[in-house]
Amino acid sequence: MKSKHEVDASTISGWEARGGEPDSSGQSHQYGRRFEGDGTYTIYHVFSGNVATIGAWKMNGLSPKNAARALRVLNNPLGGVKK
């Protein structure tokens, strides 16, 4: 059985391969990364402060590496893909 961090990494890898998160409008988003007291990170919308939710995935409890990758994909209108 995969850990939450492995599942998160797999989801983010899929986003990177497809050029962005699902239903991306191609516009730059405004998400931030917040360190939580348990050693994990949460991705949040900077204007509302709400935890980012993409599809059914509520983006909290992320490892540092997965949070950095997710933030790069979410805030880049090209999905973090280098051209």
N, C-alpha and C. Protein backbone atom coordinates (compact mmCIF):
# COMPACT_ATOMS: atom_id res chain seq x y z
N MET A 1 0.84 -1.18 0.00
CA MET A 1 0.00 0.00 0.00
C MET A 1 0.88 1.24 0.00
N LYS A 2 0.56 2.19 -0.88
CA LYS A 2 1.37 3.41 -0.99
C LYS A 2 1.05 4.37 0.15
N SER A 3 2.08 5.10 0.58
CA SER A 3 1.89 6.13 1.59
C SER A 3 1.23 7.35 0.95
N LYS A 4 0.70 8.23 1.79
CA LYS A 4 0.09 9.46 1.29
C LYS A 4 1.09 10.26 0.46
N HIS A 5 2.34 10.33 0.90
CA HIS A 5 3.35 11.10 0.18
C HIS A 5 3.64 10.50 -1.20
N GLU A 6 3.62 9.16 -1.30
CA GLU A 6 3.83 8.51 -2.60
C GLU A 6 2.65 8.77 -3.54
N VAL A 7 1.44 8.74 -3.00
CA VAL A 7 0.25 9.04 -3.81
C VAL A 7 0.29 10.49 -4.28
N ASP A 8 0.64 11.41 -3.36
CA ASP A 8 0.75 12.84 -3.72
C ASP A 8 1.77 13.02 -4.83
N ALA A 9 2.95 12.39 -4.69
CA ALA A 9 4.01 12.52 -5.70
C ALA A 9 3.54 12.00 -7.05
N SER A 10 2.81 10.90 -7.04
CA SER A 10 2.29 10.33 -8.29
C SER A 10 1.30 11.28 -8.96
N THR A 11 0.42 11.88 -8.17
CA THR A 11 -0.55 12.84 -8.71
C THR A 11 0.15 14.03 -9.33
N ILE A 12 1.14 14.57 -8.63
CA ILE A 12 1.88 15.74 -9.14
C ILE A 12 2.65 15.37 -10.40
N SER A 13 3.23 14.18 -10.45
CA SER A 13 3.94 13.73 -11.65
C SER A 13 3.00 13.70 -12.85
N GLY A 14 1.78 13.25 -12.63
CA GLY A 14 0.78 13.24 -13.70
C GLY A 14 0.48 14.64 -14.19
N TRP A 15 0.36 15.58 -13.26
CA TRP A 15 0.12 16.98 -13.65
C TRP A 15 1.27 17.48 -14.51
N GLU A 16 2.50 17.22 -14.06
CA GLU A 16 3.67 17.68 -14.79
C GLU A 16 3.70 17.09 -16.20
N ALA A 17 3.36 15.82 -16.31
CA ALA A 17 3.37 15.15 -17.61
C ALA A 17 2.32 15.71 -18.55
N ARG A 18 1.18 16.13 -18.01
CA ARG A 18 0.09 16.67 -18.82
C ARG A 18 0.17 18.18 -19.00
N GLY A 19 1.12 18.84 -18.34
CA GLY A 19 1.28 20.27 -18.51
C GLY A 19 0.47 21.12 -17.57
N GLY A 20 -0.01 20.58 -16.48
CA GLY A 20 -0.72 21.38 -15.48
C GLY A 20 -1.77 20.58 -14.76
N GLU A 21 -2.34 21.20 -13.74
CA GLU A 21 -3.36 20.51 -12.97
C GLU A 21 -4.65 20.39 -13.78
N PRO A 22 -5.54 19.48 -13.40
CA PRO A 22 -6.79 19.31 -14.15
C PRO A 22 -7.60 20.60 -14.20
N ASP A 23 -8.25 20.83 -15.31
CA ASP A 23 -9.14 21.98 -15.49
C ASP A 23 -8.42 23.32 -15.38
N SER A 24 -7.13 23.33 -15.69
CA SER A 24 -6.37 24.58 -15.65
C SER A 24 -6.86 25.50 -16.76
N SER A 25 -7.10 26.74 -16.41
CA SER A 25 -7.57 27.72 -17.39
C SER A 25 -6.43 28.37 -18.15
N GLY A 26 -5.20 28.03 -17.79
CA GLY A 26 -4.05 28.65 -18.43
C GLY A 26 -3.67 29.98 -17.80
N GLN A 27 -4.38 30.36 -16.75
CA GLN A 27 -4.09 31.61 -16.07
C GLN A 27 -3.21 31.34 -14.85
N SER A 28 -2.42 32.33 -14.50
CA SER A 28 -1.58 32.20 -13.32
C SER A 28 -2.45 32.20 -12.07
N HIS A 29 -2.17 31.29 -11.17
CA HIS A 29 -2.91 31.20 -9.92
C HIS A 29 -2.08 31.83 -8.81
N GLN A 30 -2.71 32.01 -7.70
CA GLN A 30 -2.04 32.63 -6.57
C GLN A 30 -2.14 31.70 -5.36
N TYR A 31 -1.23 30.75 -5.29
CA TYR A 31 -1.19 29.82 -4.18
C TYR A 31 0.08 30.00 -3.39
N GLY A 32 0.01 29.71 -2.11
CA GLY A 32 1.17 29.76 -1.24
C GLY A 32 1.35 28.43 -0.53
N ARG A 33 2.45 28.31 0.17
CA ARG A 33 2.78 27.09 0.90
C ARG A 33 2.98 27.47 2.36
N ARG A 34 2.32 26.74 3.25
CA ARG A 34 2.38 27.05 4.67
C ARG A 34 2.91 25.83 5.42
N PHE A 35 3.89 26.07 6.29
CA PHE A 35 4.44 24.99 7.13
C PHE A 35 3.50 24.77 8.30
N GLU A 36 3.18 23.51 8.55
CA GLU A 36 2.31 23.15 9.66
C GLU A 36 3.15 22.59 10.81
N GLY A 37 2.63 22.61 12.01
CA GLY A 37 3.36 22.18 13.20
C GLY A 37 3.74 20.71 13.22
N ASP A 38 3.09 19.89 12.39
CA ASP A 38 3.40 18.46 12.36
C ASP A 38 4.51 18.11 11.36
N GLY A 39 5.14 19.13 10.76
CA GLY A 39 6.23 18.90 9.82
C GLY A 39 5.79 18.79 8.37
N THR A 40 4.50 18.96 8.10
CA THR A 40 4.00 18.90 6.73
C THR A 40 3.67 20.31 6.23
N TYR A 41 3.31 20.37 4.96
CA TYR A 41 2.95 21.65 4.35
C TYR A 41 1.52 21.60 3.81
N THR A 42 0.92 22.78 3.73
CA THR A 42 -0.40 22.96 3.14
C THR A 42 -0.28 23.98 2.02
N ILE A 43 -0.91 23.69 0.88
CA ILE A 43 -1.01 24.66 -0.21
C ILE A 43 -2.33 25.38 -0.02
N TYR A 44 -2.31 26.71 -0.08
CA TYR A 44 -3.51 27.50 0.17
C TYR A 44 -3.64 28.61 -0.85
N HIS A 45 -4.85 29.09 -1.05
CA HIS A 45 -5.11 30.23 -1.92
C HIS A 45 -4.77 31.48 -1.14
N VAL A 46 -3.88 32.32 -1.68
CA VAL A 46 -3.36 33.45 -0.90
C VAL A 46 -4.41 34.52 -0.60
N PHE A 47 -5.43 34.65 -1.40
CA PHE A 47 -6.43 35.69 -1.14
C PHE A 47 -7.47 35.24 -0.13
N SER A 48 -7.91 33.99 -0.21
CA SER A 48 -8.94 33.50 0.71
C SER A 48 -8.36 32.84 1.95
N GLY A 49 -7.13 32.30 1.84
CA GLY A 49 -6.53 31.56 2.94
C GLY A 49 -7.02 30.12 3.02
N ASN A 50 -7.93 29.74 2.14
CA ASN A 50 -8.47 28.39 2.15
C ASN A 50 -7.48 27.38 1.59
N VAL A 51 -7.52 26.17 2.13
CA VAL A 51 -6.70 25.08 1.62
C VAL A 51 -7.08 24.83 0.17
N ALA A 52 -6.08 24.72 -0.69
CA ALA A 52 -6.34 24.45 -2.11
C ALA A 52 -6.95 23.06 -2.24
N THR A 53 -7.98 22.97 -3.08
CA THR A 53 -8.62 21.70 -3.37
C THR A 53 -8.67 21.56 -4.88
N ILE A 54 -8.04 20.52 -5.39
CA ILE A 54 -8.03 20.24 -6.82
C ILE A 54 -8.74 18.90 -6.99
N GLY A 55 -9.90 18.92 -7.62
CA GLY A 55 -10.71 17.72 -7.70
C GLY A 55 -11.10 17.31 -6.29
N ALA A 56 -10.84 16.07 -5.95
CA ALA A 56 -11.15 15.56 -4.61
C ALA A 56 -9.96 15.70 -3.65
N TRP A 57 -8.83 16.21 -4.14
CA TRP A 57 -7.61 16.27 -3.35
C TRP A 57 -7.52 17.58 -2.58
N LYS A 58 -7.63 17.50 -1.27
CA LYS A 58 -7.40 18.64 -0.39
C LYS A 58 -5.91 18.68 -0.11
N MET A 59 -5.24 19.76 -0.46
CA MET A 59 -3.78 19.80 -0.50
C MET A 59 -3.16 20.19 0.84
N ASN A 60 -3.29 19.29 1.79
CA ASN A 60 -2.62 19.47 3.08
C ASN A 60 -1.92 18.17 3.44
N GLY A 61 -1.05 18.23 4.44
CA GLY A 61 -0.29 17.05 4.83
C GLY A 61 0.77 16.65 3.83
N LEU A 62 1.27 17.62 3.06
CA LEU A 62 2.25 17.34 2.01
C LEU A 62 3.67 17.32 2.56
N SER A 63 4.50 16.49 1.96
CA SER A 63 5.93 16.50 2.29
C SER A 63 6.52 17.79 1.71
N PRO A 64 7.69 18.21 2.20
CA PRO A 64 8.30 19.43 1.65
C PRO A 64 8.51 19.35 0.14
N LYS A 65 8.99 18.21 -0.35
CA LYS A 65 9.26 18.05 -1.79
C LYS A 65 7.96 18.12 -2.60
N ASN A 66 6.92 17.40 -2.15
CA ASN A 66 5.66 17.41 -2.88
C ASN A 66 5.00 18.78 -2.85
N ALA A 67 5.12 19.48 -1.74
CA ALA A 67 4.53 20.82 -1.65
C ALA A 67 5.22 21.77 -2.63
N ALA A 68 6.54 21.69 -2.72
CA ALA A 68 7.28 22.56 -3.64
C ALA A 68 6.89 22.26 -5.09
N ARG A 69 6.79 20.99 -5.44
CA ARG A 69 6.41 20.61 -6.81
C ARG A 69 4.99 21.05 -7.13
N ALA A 70 4.06 20.81 -6.20
CA ALA A 70 2.66 21.18 -6.43
C ALA A 70 2.53 22.69 -6.59
N LEU A 71 3.23 23.44 -5.76
CA LEU A 71 3.17 24.90 -5.84
C LEU A 71 3.69 25.40 -7.18
N ARG A 72 4.77 24.81 -7.66
CA ARG A 72 5.32 25.20 -8.96
C ARG A 72 4.31 24.95 -10.08
N VAL A 73 3.67 23.79 -10.06
CA VAL A 73 2.69 23.46 -11.10
C VAL A 73 1.47 24.37 -11.00
N LEU A 74 0.96 24.57 -9.80
CA LEU A 74 -0.26 25.36 -9.62
C LEU A 74 -0.08 26.83 -9.99
N ASN A 75 1.07 27.40 -9.68
CA ASN A 75 1.28 28.83 -9.92
C ASN A 75 1.81 29.14 -11.32
N ASN A 76 2.15 28.13 -12.09
CA ASN A 76 2.69 28.36 -13.43
C ASN A 76 1.59 28.08 -14.45
N PRO A 77 1.27 29.06 -15.28
CA PRO A 77 0.21 28.85 -16.27
C PRO A 77 0.54 27.75 -17.29
N LEU A 78 1.81 27.37 -17.39
CA LEU A 78 2.21 26.27 -18.27
C LEU A 78 2.41 24.98 -17.50
N GLY A 79 1.95 24.95 -16.25
CA GLY A 79 2.04 23.73 -15.46
C GLY A 79 3.43 23.38 -15.00
N GLY A 80 4.34 24.35 -14.96
CA GLY A 80 5.68 24.07 -14.50
C GLY A 80 6.52 23.34 -15.51
N VAL A 81 6.02 23.17 -16.71
CA VAL A 81 6.74 22.44 -17.74
C VAL A 81 7.76 23.37 -18.39
N LYS A 82 9.00 22.95 -18.43
CA LYS A 82 10.04 23.76 -19.05
C LYS A 82 10.00 23.53 -20.55
N LYS A 83 10.03 24.59 -21.31
CA LYS A 83 9.99 24.48 -22.78
C LYS A 83 11.29 24.95 -23.35
